């Protein structure tokens, strides 16, 4: 079991931001982005590490997830998806929590500088539908976290990146049933 403190996690996230140019990544990846700034602590608790300013449009919320070691060069290209934030109370992990104020998730691998960005609402929908199958099929890792006298356990499942994208595609490219319609509308990618 991996053991960490809440402070260690926060400081590691801050440190990686200086090693990998998050601002450059987000300005390049988000159409219309004109500025990027670090969020405050309250925003961070609600799922926002960075705000992307798009001029007259609504700012976008970005949650950055840091992985210190990139195993892709060794053949393992997965994403850490949190199943439980607090296992003791069965509190859903950030990946399953639709109450998060997050527009996009940005994964960063500190040792290689590789990154992946995806829309959070579609990831959350995919995770809510598939997390039980994924914890049976893929490696899970519990983590013990302490913050002063408080201690809790969380859990992540490591799902291959392409499997996550396939499920997001399936969720976003499904069949929509319109009430009182004789046939469902089908939306296909070209």
N, C-alpha and C. Protein backbone atom coordinates (compact mmCIF):
# COMPACT_ATOMS: atom_id res chain seq x y z
N UNK A 1 0.85 -1.18 0.00
CA UNK A 1 0.00 0.00 0.00
C UNK A 1 0.89 1.23 0.00
N UNK A 2 0.56 2.16 -0.86
CA UNK A 2 1.27 3.43 -0.95
C UNK A 2 0.80 4.33 0.18
N UNK A 3 1.74 4.97 0.89
CA UNK A 3 1.38 5.84 2.01
C UNK A 3 1.89 7.25 1.72
N UNK A 4 1.03 8.23 1.96
CA UNK A 4 1.40 9.62 1.72
C UNK A 4 0.65 10.52 2.69
N UNK A 5 1.05 11.78 2.70
CA UNK A 5 0.30 12.76 3.48
C UNK A 5 -0.39 13.70 2.49
N UNK A 6 -1.46 14.30 2.94
CA UNK A 6 -2.19 15.25 2.10
C UNK A 6 -1.26 16.38 1.68
N UNK A 7 -0.44 16.85 2.59
CA UNK A 7 0.51 17.92 2.30
C UNK A 7 1.51 17.49 1.23
N UNK A 8 2.02 16.25 1.32
CA UNK A 8 2.95 15.73 0.31
C UNK A 8 2.32 15.76 -1.08
N UNK A 9 1.06 15.32 -1.17
CA UNK A 9 0.37 15.29 -2.46
C UNK A 9 0.22 16.70 -3.02
N UNK A 10 -0.15 17.64 -2.17
CA UNK A 10 -0.34 19.02 -2.62
C UNK A 10 0.99 19.61 -3.09
N UNK A 11 2.05 19.41 -2.30
CA UNK A 11 3.36 19.95 -2.67
C UNK A 11 3.90 19.29 -3.93
N UNK A 12 3.65 18.00 -4.11
CA UNK A 12 4.10 17.32 -5.32
C UNK A 12 3.40 17.89 -6.54
N UNK A 13 2.10 18.15 -6.41
CA UNK A 13 1.35 18.74 -7.51
C UNK A 13 1.88 20.13 -7.85
N UNK A 14 2.21 20.91 -6.84
CA UNK A 14 2.78 22.23 -7.06
C UNK A 14 4.13 22.13 -7.75
N UNK A 15 4.95 21.17 -7.29
CA UNK A 15 6.29 21.00 -7.84
C UNK A 15 6.28 20.58 -9.29
N UNK A 16 5.39 19.69 -9.66
CA UNK A 16 5.35 19.23 -11.04
C UNK A 16 4.94 20.36 -11.97
N UNK A 17 4.12 21.25 -11.47
CA UNK A 17 3.67 22.35 -12.31
C UNK A 17 4.85 23.21 -12.74
N UNK A 18 5.88 23.28 -11.91
CA UNK A 18 7.04 24.08 -12.30
C UNK A 18 7.97 23.30 -13.23
N UNK A 19 7.94 21.97 -13.19
CA UNK A 19 8.80 21.16 -14.05
C UNK A 19 8.21 20.96 -15.43
N UNK A 20 6.92 20.83 -15.52
CA UNK A 20 6.23 20.65 -16.79
C UNK A 20 5.44 21.94 -17.02
N UNK A 21 5.56 22.52 -18.17
CA UNK A 21 4.93 23.81 -18.41
C UNK A 21 3.44 23.65 -18.70
N UNK A 22 2.66 23.60 -17.62
CA UNK A 22 1.22 23.41 -17.70
C UNK A 22 0.58 24.53 -18.51
N UNK A 23 1.05 25.74 -18.32
CA UNK A 23 0.48 26.88 -19.03
C UNK A 23 0.61 26.68 -20.53
N UNK A 24 1.80 26.30 -20.98
CA UNK A 24 2.03 26.07 -22.41
C UNK A 24 1.13 24.95 -22.94
N UNK A 25 1.02 23.86 -22.20
CA UNK A 25 0.18 22.73 -22.62
C UNK A 25 -1.26 23.19 -22.79
N UNK A 26 -1.80 23.88 -21.78
CA UNK A 26 -3.20 24.28 -21.82
C UNK A 26 -3.48 25.35 -22.87
N UNK A 27 -2.56 26.28 -23.05
CA UNK A 27 -2.74 27.29 -24.10
C UNK A 27 -2.75 26.65 -25.47
N UNK A 28 -1.97 25.59 -25.65
CA UNK A 28 -1.92 24.90 -26.93
C UNK A 28 -3.12 23.96 -27.14
N UNK A 29 -3.56 23.30 -26.07
CA UNK A 29 -4.59 22.27 -26.19
C UNK A 29 -6.02 22.80 -26.20
N UNK A 30 -6.26 23.95 -25.58
CA UNK A 30 -7.62 24.48 -25.44
C UNK A 30 -7.84 25.60 -26.47
N UNK A 31 -8.73 25.39 -27.44
CA UNK A 31 -9.00 26.43 -28.44
C UNK A 31 -9.51 27.72 -27.78
N UNK A 32 -8.97 28.84 -28.21
CA UNK A 32 -9.41 30.14 -27.70
C UNK A 32 -8.79 30.54 -26.38
N UNK A 33 -7.91 29.69 -25.82
CA UNK A 33 -7.30 30.02 -24.53
C UNK A 33 -6.37 31.22 -24.69
N UNK A 34 -6.53 32.20 -23.78
CA UNK A 34 -5.65 33.38 -23.83
C UNK A 34 -4.85 33.54 -22.54
N UNK A 35 -5.18 32.76 -21.52
CA UNK A 35 -4.46 32.84 -20.25
C UNK A 35 -4.76 31.64 -19.38
N UNK A 36 -3.81 31.33 -18.50
CA UNK A 36 -3.96 30.19 -17.58
C UNK A 36 -3.46 30.64 -16.22
N UNK A 37 -4.24 30.34 -15.17
CA UNK A 37 -3.78 30.69 -13.83
C UNK A 37 -4.11 29.58 -12.85
N UNK A 38 -3.28 29.48 -11.82
CA UNK A 38 -3.44 28.49 -10.76
C UNK A 38 -4.69 28.82 -9.96
N UNK A 39 -5.43 27.81 -9.52
CA UNK A 39 -6.64 28.04 -8.73
C UNK A 39 -6.28 28.25 -7.26
N UNK A 40 -7.27 28.66 -6.49
CA UNK A 40 -7.11 28.78 -5.04
C UNK A 40 -7.46 27.46 -4.36
N UNK A 41 -7.27 27.40 -3.06
CA UNK A 41 -7.49 26.17 -2.30
C UNK A 41 -8.94 25.70 -2.33
N UNK A 42 -9.91 26.62 -2.27
CA UNK A 42 -11.31 26.24 -2.31
C UNK A 42 -11.65 25.62 -3.66
N UNK A 43 -11.18 26.25 -4.74
CA UNK A 43 -11.39 25.68 -6.08
C UNK A 43 -10.76 24.30 -6.19
N UNK A 44 -9.57 24.14 -5.61
CA UNK A 44 -8.86 22.86 -5.67
C UNK A 44 -9.70 21.75 -5.04
N UNK A 45 -10.36 22.03 -3.95
CA UNK A 45 -11.22 21.03 -3.29
C UNK A 45 -12.42 20.64 -4.16
N UNK A 46 -12.83 21.55 -5.04
CA UNK A 46 -13.96 21.28 -5.93
C UNK A 46 -13.55 20.75 -7.29
N UNK A 47 -12.26 20.42 -7.44
CA UNK A 47 -11.81 19.79 -8.68
C UNK A 47 -11.13 20.69 -9.67
N UNK A 48 -10.67 21.88 -9.25
CA UNK A 48 -10.01 22.80 -10.17
C UNK A 48 -8.61 23.13 -9.67
N UNK A 49 -7.60 22.74 -10.45
CA UNK A 49 -6.22 23.11 -10.15
C UNK A 49 -5.80 24.34 -10.95
N UNK A 50 -6.38 24.47 -12.16
CA UNK A 50 -6.03 25.56 -13.07
C UNK A 50 -7.29 26.11 -13.71
N UNK A 51 -7.30 27.42 -14.00
CA UNK A 51 -8.37 28.05 -14.75
C UNK A 51 -7.81 28.48 -16.10
N UNK A 52 -8.53 28.16 -17.17
CA UNK A 52 -8.16 28.59 -18.51
C UNK A 52 -9.10 29.71 -18.92
N UNK A 53 -8.54 30.88 -19.16
CA UNK A 53 -9.33 32.04 -19.59
C UNK A 53 -9.44 32.01 -21.10
N UNK A 54 -10.69 32.15 -21.60
CA UNK A 54 -10.95 32.13 -23.04
C UNK A 54 -11.59 33.44 -23.50
N UNK A 55 -11.09 34.53 -22.97
CA UNK A 55 -11.62 35.84 -23.38
C UNK A 55 -13.02 36.04 -22.86
N UNK A 56 -13.98 36.27 -23.74
CA UNK A 56 -15.36 36.50 -23.36
C UNK A 56 -16.12 35.25 -22.99
N UNK A 57 -15.55 34.08 -23.21
CA UNK A 57 -16.22 32.82 -22.88
C UNK A 57 -15.99 32.46 -21.41
N UNK A 58 -16.77 31.52 -20.91
CA UNK A 58 -16.61 31.04 -19.55
C UNK A 58 -15.24 30.38 -19.38
N UNK A 59 -14.59 30.68 -18.25
CA UNK A 59 -13.31 30.03 -17.95
C UNK A 59 -13.53 28.53 -17.79
N UNK A 60 -12.52 27.75 -18.18
CA UNK A 60 -12.58 26.31 -18.05
C UNK A 60 -11.79 25.84 -16.84
N UNK A 61 -12.33 24.85 -16.14
CA UNK A 61 -11.71 24.26 -14.96
C UNK A 61 -10.89 23.04 -15.37
N UNK A 62 -9.62 23.02 -14.94
CA UNK A 62 -8.73 21.91 -15.27
C UNK A 62 -8.25 21.27 -13.97
N UNK A 63 -8.38 19.97 -13.87
CA UNK A 63 -7.84 19.21 -12.74
C UNK A 63 -6.59 18.49 -13.24
N UNK A 64 -5.45 18.75 -12.62
CA UNK A 64 -4.19 18.13 -13.04
C UNK A 64 -3.87 16.96 -12.12
N UNK A 65 -3.59 15.82 -12.72
CA UNK A 65 -3.21 14.61 -11.99
C UNK A 65 -1.75 14.30 -12.33
N UNK A 66 -0.96 14.13 -11.31
CA UNK A 66 0.48 13.94 -11.48
C UNK A 66 0.85 12.48 -11.26
N UNK A 67 1.61 11.95 -12.20
CA UNK A 67 2.23 10.63 -12.01
C UNK A 67 3.72 10.84 -12.18
N UNK A 68 4.47 10.44 -11.20
CA UNK A 68 5.89 10.70 -11.20
C UNK A 68 6.65 9.80 -12.17
N UNK A 69 6.18 8.57 -12.33
CA UNK A 69 6.85 7.61 -13.21
C UNK A 69 5.94 7.28 -14.37
N UNK A 70 6.48 7.40 -15.57
CA UNK A 70 5.75 7.05 -16.80
C UNK A 70 6.16 5.65 -17.21
N UNK A 71 5.22 4.71 -17.16
CA UNK A 71 5.51 3.32 -17.51
C UNK A 71 5.25 3.01 -18.97
N UNK A 72 4.87 4.01 -19.76
CA UNK A 72 4.62 3.76 -21.18
C UNK A 72 5.86 3.22 -21.89
N UNK A 73 7.06 3.75 -21.61
CA UNK A 73 8.25 3.18 -22.27
C UNK A 73 8.47 1.69 -21.95
N UNK A 74 7.85 1.20 -20.87
CA UNK A 74 7.97 -0.20 -20.49
C UNK A 74 6.73 -1.00 -20.90
N UNK A 75 5.86 -0.37 -21.71
CA UNK A 75 4.71 -1.09 -22.26
C UNK A 75 3.41 -0.94 -21.50
N UNK A 76 3.35 -0.09 -20.48
CA UNK A 76 2.12 0.08 -19.71
C UNK A 76 1.64 1.53 -19.83
N UNK A 77 0.63 1.74 -20.66
CA UNK A 77 0.10 3.09 -20.90
C UNK A 77 -1.29 3.17 -20.29
N UNK A 78 -1.34 3.47 -18.98
CA UNK A 78 -2.63 3.50 -18.29
C UNK A 78 -2.86 4.84 -17.62
N UNK A 79 -4.10 5.02 -17.20
CA UNK A 79 -4.50 6.22 -16.45
C UNK A 79 -4.98 5.77 -15.07
N UNK A 80 -4.56 6.51 -14.04
CA UNK A 80 -5.00 6.22 -12.67
C UNK A 80 -6.36 6.87 -12.46
N UNK A 81 -7.39 6.05 -12.26
CA UNK A 81 -8.75 6.54 -12.07
C UNK A 81 -9.18 6.19 -10.65
N UNK A 82 -9.55 7.20 -9.87
CA UNK A 82 -9.87 6.98 -8.47
C UNK A 82 -11.27 6.39 -8.32
N UNK A 83 -11.35 5.19 -7.75
CA UNK A 83 -12.63 4.53 -7.51
C UNK A 83 -13.27 5.04 -6.22
N UNK A 84 -12.45 5.16 -5.17
CA UNK A 84 -12.91 5.67 -3.88
C UNK A 84 -11.96 6.75 -3.39
N UNK A 85 -12.53 7.85 -2.95
CA UNK A 85 -11.76 8.93 -2.35
C UNK A 85 -11.53 8.63 -0.87
N UNK A 86 -12.56 8.08 -0.22
CA UNK A 86 -12.46 7.63 1.17
C UNK A 86 -13.15 6.27 1.24
N UNK A 87 -12.33 5.23 1.32
CA UNK A 87 -12.89 3.87 1.32
C UNK A 87 -13.71 3.59 2.58
N UNK A 88 -13.31 4.16 3.69
CA UNK A 88 -14.01 3.91 4.96
C UNK A 88 -15.47 4.33 4.91
N UNK A 89 -15.79 5.39 4.17
CA UNK A 89 -17.17 5.87 4.07
C UNK A 89 -17.78 5.60 2.69
N UNK A 90 -17.03 4.88 1.85
CA UNK A 90 -17.47 4.57 0.48
C UNK A 90 -17.70 5.84 -0.35
N UNK A 91 -16.95 6.90 -0.03
CA UNK A 91 -17.07 8.15 -0.80
C UNK A 91 -16.47 7.94 -2.19
N UNK A 92 -17.26 8.19 -3.25
CA UNK A 92 -16.75 7.97 -4.61
C UNK A 92 -15.50 8.81 -4.89
N UNK A 93 -14.61 8.23 -5.69
CA UNK A 93 -13.41 8.94 -6.10
C UNK A 93 -13.74 10.05 -7.07
N UNK A 94 -12.77 10.94 -7.30
CA UNK A 94 -12.98 12.10 -8.17
C UNK A 94 -13.45 11.68 -9.55
N UNK A 95 -13.02 10.52 -10.03
CA UNK A 95 -13.38 10.10 -11.39
C UNK A 95 -14.86 9.77 -11.50
N UNK A 96 -15.49 9.37 -10.39
CA UNK A 96 -16.91 9.01 -10.40
C UNK A 96 -17.80 10.12 -9.87
N UNK A 97 -17.22 11.22 -9.40
CA UNK A 97 -17.97 12.27 -8.70
C UNK A 97 -18.44 13.35 -9.67
N UNK A 98 -19.69 13.26 -10.09
CA UNK A 98 -20.25 14.22 -11.06
C UNK A 98 -20.48 15.60 -10.45
N UNK A 99 -20.27 15.75 -9.14
CA UNK A 99 -20.42 17.07 -8.50
C UNK A 99 -19.17 17.92 -8.66
N UNK A 100 -18.08 17.35 -9.15
CA UNK A 100 -16.84 18.11 -9.33
C UNK A 100 -17.06 19.21 -10.37
N UNK A 101 -16.44 20.35 -10.17
CA UNK A 101 -16.57 21.50 -11.06
C UNK A 101 -15.50 21.44 -12.16
N UNK A 102 -15.23 20.31 -12.69
CA UNK A 102 -14.11 20.11 -13.60
C UNK A 102 -14.58 19.98 -15.04
N UNK A 103 -13.92 20.71 -15.94
CA UNK A 103 -14.21 20.59 -17.36
C UNK A 103 -13.28 19.58 -18.05
N UNK A 104 -11.99 19.64 -17.70
CA UNK A 104 -10.99 18.74 -18.30
C UNK A 104 -10.06 18.19 -17.24
N UNK A 105 -9.57 16.97 -17.49
CA UNK A 105 -8.54 16.35 -16.66
C UNK A 105 -7.26 16.35 -17.48
N UNK A 106 -6.17 16.77 -16.86
CA UNK A 106 -4.86 16.76 -17.49
C UNK A 106 -3.96 15.85 -16.66
N UNK A 107 -3.52 14.73 -17.25
CA UNK A 107 -2.54 13.87 -16.61
C UNK A 107 -1.16 14.30 -17.06
N UNK A 108 -0.23 14.35 -16.12
CA UNK A 108 1.15 14.70 -16.41
C UNK A 108 2.07 13.60 -15.88
N UNK A 109 3.03 13.19 -16.68
CA UNK A 109 4.05 12.26 -16.24
C UNK A 109 5.34 13.05 -16.07
N UNK A 110 5.77 13.17 -14.82
CA UNK A 110 6.87 14.07 -14.49
C UNK A 110 8.18 13.65 -15.15
N UNK A 111 8.48 12.37 -15.21
CA UNK A 111 9.80 11.96 -15.69
C UNK A 111 9.96 12.08 -17.20
N UNK A 112 8.86 12.02 -17.96
CA UNK A 112 8.97 12.11 -19.42
C UNK A 112 8.37 13.39 -19.99
N UNK A 113 7.54 14.08 -19.22
CA UNK A 113 6.87 15.29 -19.72
C UNK A 113 5.66 14.97 -20.59
N UNK A 114 5.31 13.68 -20.72
CA UNK A 114 4.15 13.29 -21.51
C UNK A 114 2.89 13.75 -20.79
N UNK A 115 1.83 14.02 -21.56
CA UNK A 115 0.57 14.45 -20.97
C UNK A 115 -0.60 13.96 -21.81
N UNK A 116 -1.76 13.88 -21.15
CA UNK A 116 -3.03 13.51 -21.79
C UNK A 116 -4.10 14.42 -21.21
N UNK A 117 -4.97 14.94 -22.07
CA UNK A 117 -6.08 15.77 -21.59
C UNK A 117 -7.37 15.20 -22.15
N UNK A 118 -8.40 15.15 -21.31
CA UNK A 118 -9.71 14.66 -21.79
C UNK A 118 -10.83 15.36 -21.05
N UNK A 119 -12.02 15.41 -21.68
CA UNK A 119 -13.17 16.08 -21.05
C UNK A 119 -13.68 15.29 -19.84
N UNK A 120 -13.76 15.98 -18.71
CA UNK A 120 -14.17 15.31 -17.48
C UNK A 120 -15.59 14.75 -17.51
N UNK A 121 -16.60 15.49 -18.00
CA UNK A 121 -17.95 14.92 -17.96
C UNK A 121 -18.05 13.57 -18.69
N UNK A 122 -17.38 13.43 -19.81
CA UNK A 122 -17.42 12.16 -20.54
C UNK A 122 -16.63 11.08 -19.81
N UNK A 123 -15.49 11.45 -19.22
CA UNK A 123 -14.72 10.49 -18.42
C UNK A 123 -15.54 10.03 -17.23
N UNK A 124 -16.19 10.96 -16.54
CA UNK A 124 -17.01 10.63 -15.38
C UNK A 124 -18.14 9.67 -15.77
N UNK A 125 -18.79 9.93 -16.89
CA UNK A 125 -19.86 9.05 -17.36
C UNK A 125 -19.32 7.66 -17.67
N UNK A 126 -18.18 7.60 -18.34
CA UNK A 126 -17.56 6.31 -18.67
C UNK A 126 -17.20 5.55 -17.39
N UNK A 127 -16.63 6.26 -16.43
CA UNK A 127 -16.22 5.63 -15.17
C UNK A 127 -17.43 5.14 -14.38
N UNK A 128 -18.48 5.95 -14.32
CA UNK A 128 -19.68 5.54 -13.59
C UNK A 128 -20.28 4.26 -14.19
N UNK A 129 -20.18 4.10 -15.48
CA UNK A 129 -20.73 2.92 -16.15
C UNK A 129 -19.83 1.68 -16.03
N UNK A 130 -18.50 1.90 -15.99
CA UNK A 130 -17.58 0.77 -16.13
C UNK A 130 -16.68 0.47 -14.93
N UNK A 131 -16.70 1.28 -13.88
CA UNK A 131 -15.70 1.13 -12.83
C UNK A 131 -15.70 -0.24 -12.18
N UNK A 132 -16.86 -0.86 -12.00
CA UNK A 132 -16.90 -2.18 -11.36
C UNK A 132 -16.25 -3.25 -12.23
N UNK A 133 -16.45 -3.16 -13.55
CA UNK A 133 -15.77 -4.10 -14.46
C UNK A 133 -14.27 -3.82 -14.49
N UNK A 134 -13.90 -2.54 -14.48
CA UNK A 134 -12.48 -2.20 -14.55
C UNK A 134 -11.72 -2.64 -13.31
N UNK A 135 -12.32 -2.58 -12.12
CA UNK A 135 -11.58 -3.01 -10.93
C UNK A 135 -11.39 -4.53 -10.92
N UNK A 136 -12.24 -5.25 -11.63
CA UNK A 136 -12.06 -6.70 -11.77
C UNK A 136 -11.01 -7.05 -12.83
N UNK A 137 -10.91 -6.20 -13.84
CA UNK A 137 -10.04 -6.50 -14.99
C UNK A 137 -8.63 -5.94 -14.86
N UNK A 138 -8.44 -4.86 -14.11
CA UNK A 138 -7.16 -4.17 -14.09
C UNK A 138 -6.64 -4.00 -12.66
N UNK A 139 -5.38 -3.67 -12.56
CA UNK A 139 -4.70 -3.53 -11.27
C UNK A 139 -5.29 -2.35 -10.49
N UNK A 140 -5.53 -2.60 -9.21
CA UNK A 140 -5.99 -1.56 -8.29
C UNK A 140 -4.90 -1.32 -7.24
N UNK A 141 -4.86 -0.09 -6.74
CA UNK A 141 -3.87 0.24 -5.71
C UNK A 141 -4.51 1.11 -4.64
N UNK A 142 -4.52 0.61 -3.40
CA UNK A 142 -5.00 1.45 -2.30
C UNK A 142 -3.91 2.42 -1.89
N UNK A 143 -4.32 3.52 -1.29
CA UNK A 143 -3.37 4.52 -0.80
C UNK A 143 -3.84 4.99 0.57
N UNK A 144 -2.92 5.07 1.51
CA UNK A 144 -3.22 5.59 2.84
C UNK A 144 -2.74 7.03 2.90
N UNK A 145 -3.63 7.92 3.33
CA UNK A 145 -3.28 9.33 3.42
C UNK A 145 -3.53 9.82 4.84
N UNK A 146 -2.62 10.64 5.34
CA UNK A 146 -2.79 11.25 6.66
C UNK A 146 -2.73 12.77 6.52
N UNK A 147 -3.55 13.42 7.32
CA UNK A 147 -3.56 14.88 7.39
C UNK A 147 -3.70 15.23 8.86
N UNK A 148 -2.57 15.46 9.51
CA UNK A 148 -2.58 15.67 10.95
C UNK A 148 -2.95 14.37 11.64
N UNK A 149 -4.03 14.39 12.42
CA UNK A 149 -4.46 13.18 13.12
C UNK A 149 -5.45 12.35 12.31
N UNK A 150 -5.90 12.89 11.17
CA UNK A 150 -6.86 12.15 10.33
C UNK A 150 -6.12 11.19 9.41
N UNK A 151 -6.72 10.03 9.20
CA UNK A 151 -6.16 9.04 8.29
C UNK A 151 -7.30 8.41 7.49
N UNK A 152 -7.09 8.23 6.19
CA UNK A 152 -8.09 7.58 5.35
C UNK A 152 -7.41 6.84 4.22
N UNK A 153 -8.19 6.03 3.54
CA UNK A 153 -7.68 5.23 2.43
C UNK A 153 -8.47 5.54 1.16
N UNK A 154 -7.76 5.65 0.07
CA UNK A 154 -8.39 5.83 -1.24
C UNK A 154 -7.92 4.68 -2.12
N UNK A 155 -8.51 4.61 -3.32
CA UNK A 155 -8.14 3.52 -4.24
C UNK A 155 -8.22 4.00 -5.68
N UNK A 156 -7.24 3.58 -6.47
CA UNK A 156 -7.23 3.86 -7.91
C UNK A 156 -7.20 2.55 -8.68
N UNK A 157 -7.79 2.57 -9.85
CA UNK A 157 -7.66 1.47 -10.79
C UNK A 157 -6.88 2.01 -11.98
N UNK A 158 -5.97 1.21 -12.50
CA UNK A 158 -5.10 1.62 -13.60
C UNK A 158 -5.63 1.02 -14.89
N UNK A 159 -6.36 1.84 -15.65
CA UNK A 159 -7.04 1.39 -16.87
C UNK A 159 -6.21 1.83 -18.08
N UNK A 160 -5.97 0.91 -19.03
CA UNK A 160 -5.24 1.32 -20.24
C UNK A 160 -5.88 2.56 -20.86
N UNK A 161 -5.03 3.50 -21.26
CA UNK A 161 -5.49 4.78 -21.81
C UNK A 161 -6.43 4.58 -22.99
N UNK A 162 -6.11 3.65 -23.88
CA UNK A 162 -6.96 3.43 -25.05
C UNK A 162 -8.31 2.82 -24.67
N UNK A 163 -8.35 2.04 -23.60
CA UNK A 163 -9.63 1.49 -23.11
C UNK A 163 -10.52 2.63 -22.60
N UNK A 164 -9.92 3.59 -21.91
CA UNK A 164 -10.68 4.75 -21.42
C UNK A 164 -11.23 5.54 -22.61
N UNK A 165 -10.38 5.80 -23.61
CA UNK A 165 -10.85 6.53 -24.80
C UNK A 165 -11.95 5.76 -25.52
N UNK A 166 -11.84 4.42 -25.61
CA UNK A 166 -12.90 3.61 -26.26
C UNK A 166 -14.23 3.77 -25.54
N UNK A 167 -14.17 3.75 -24.20
CA UNK A 167 -15.42 3.88 -23.43
C UNK A 167 -16.00 5.29 -23.55
N UNK A 168 -15.14 6.30 -23.57
CA UNK A 168 -15.62 7.68 -23.78
C UNK A 168 -16.27 7.79 -25.15
N UNK A 169 -15.65 7.21 -26.15
CA UNK A 169 -16.22 7.23 -27.50
C UNK A 169 -17.59 6.54 -27.51
N UNK A 170 -17.67 5.39 -26.83
CA UNK A 170 -18.93 4.65 -26.77
C UNK A 170 -20.01 5.49 -26.08
N UNK A 171 -19.66 6.13 -24.97
CA UNK A 171 -20.61 6.97 -24.23
C UNK A 171 -21.06 8.15 -25.08
N UNK A 172 -20.11 8.78 -25.79
CA UNK A 172 -20.42 9.99 -26.55
C UNK A 172 -21.02 9.69 -27.92
N UNK A 173 -21.01 8.46 -28.33
CA UNK A 173 -21.48 8.10 -29.67
C UNK A 173 -22.57 7.04 -29.58
N UNK A 174 -23.42 7.16 -28.57
CA UNK A 174 -24.43 6.14 -28.33
C UNK A 174 -25.74 6.39 -29.04
N UNK A 175 -26.72 5.72 -28.58
CA UNK A 175 -28.08 5.85 -29.10
C UNK A 175 -28.85 6.70 -28.11
N UNK A 176 -29.53 7.69 -28.62
CA UNK A 176 -30.33 8.57 -27.78
C UNK A 176 -31.80 8.25 -28.02
N UNK A 177 -32.51 7.91 -26.96
CA UNK A 177 -33.93 7.61 -27.06
C UNK A 177 -34.71 8.89 -26.77
N UNK A 178 -35.46 9.37 -27.74
CA UNK A 178 -36.29 10.55 -27.59
C UNK A 178 -37.67 10.09 -27.12
N UNK A 179 -38.17 10.68 -26.01
CA UNK A 179 -39.50 10.27 -25.55
C UNK A 179 -40.55 10.43 -26.66
N UNK A 180 -41.41 9.45 -26.81
CA UNK A 180 -42.49 9.41 -27.78
C UNK A 180 -42.01 9.30 -29.24
N UNK A 181 -40.74 9.04 -29.44
CA UNK A 181 -40.23 8.85 -30.81
C UNK A 181 -40.40 7.39 -31.19
N UNK A 182 -40.65 7.14 -32.46
CA UNK A 182 -40.83 5.76 -32.92
C UNK A 182 -39.50 5.02 -33.00
N UNK A 183 -38.41 5.70 -33.36
CA UNK A 183 -37.10 5.07 -33.44
C UNK A 183 -36.07 5.97 -32.78
N UNK A 184 -35.04 5.36 -32.16
CA UNK A 184 -33.98 6.19 -31.56
C UNK A 184 -33.15 6.86 -32.64
N UNK A 185 -32.60 8.02 -32.29
CA UNK A 185 -31.69 8.71 -33.19
C UNK A 185 -30.30 8.12 -33.01
N UNK A 186 -29.61 7.86 -34.08
CA UNK A 186 -28.25 7.32 -34.01
C UNK A 186 -27.27 8.37 -34.48
N UNK A 187 -26.22 8.57 -33.73
CA UNK A 187 -25.17 9.50 -34.09
C UNK A 187 -23.89 8.72 -34.31
N UNK A 188 -23.32 8.80 -35.51
CA UNK A 188 -22.08 8.10 -35.81
C UNK A 188 -21.00 9.09 -36.16
N UNK A 189 -19.77 8.71 -35.80
CA UNK A 189 -18.61 9.51 -36.22
C UNK A 189 -18.33 9.19 -37.68
N UNK A 190 -17.90 10.19 -38.45
CA UNK A 190 -17.59 9.94 -39.86
C UNK A 190 -16.40 9.00 -40.00
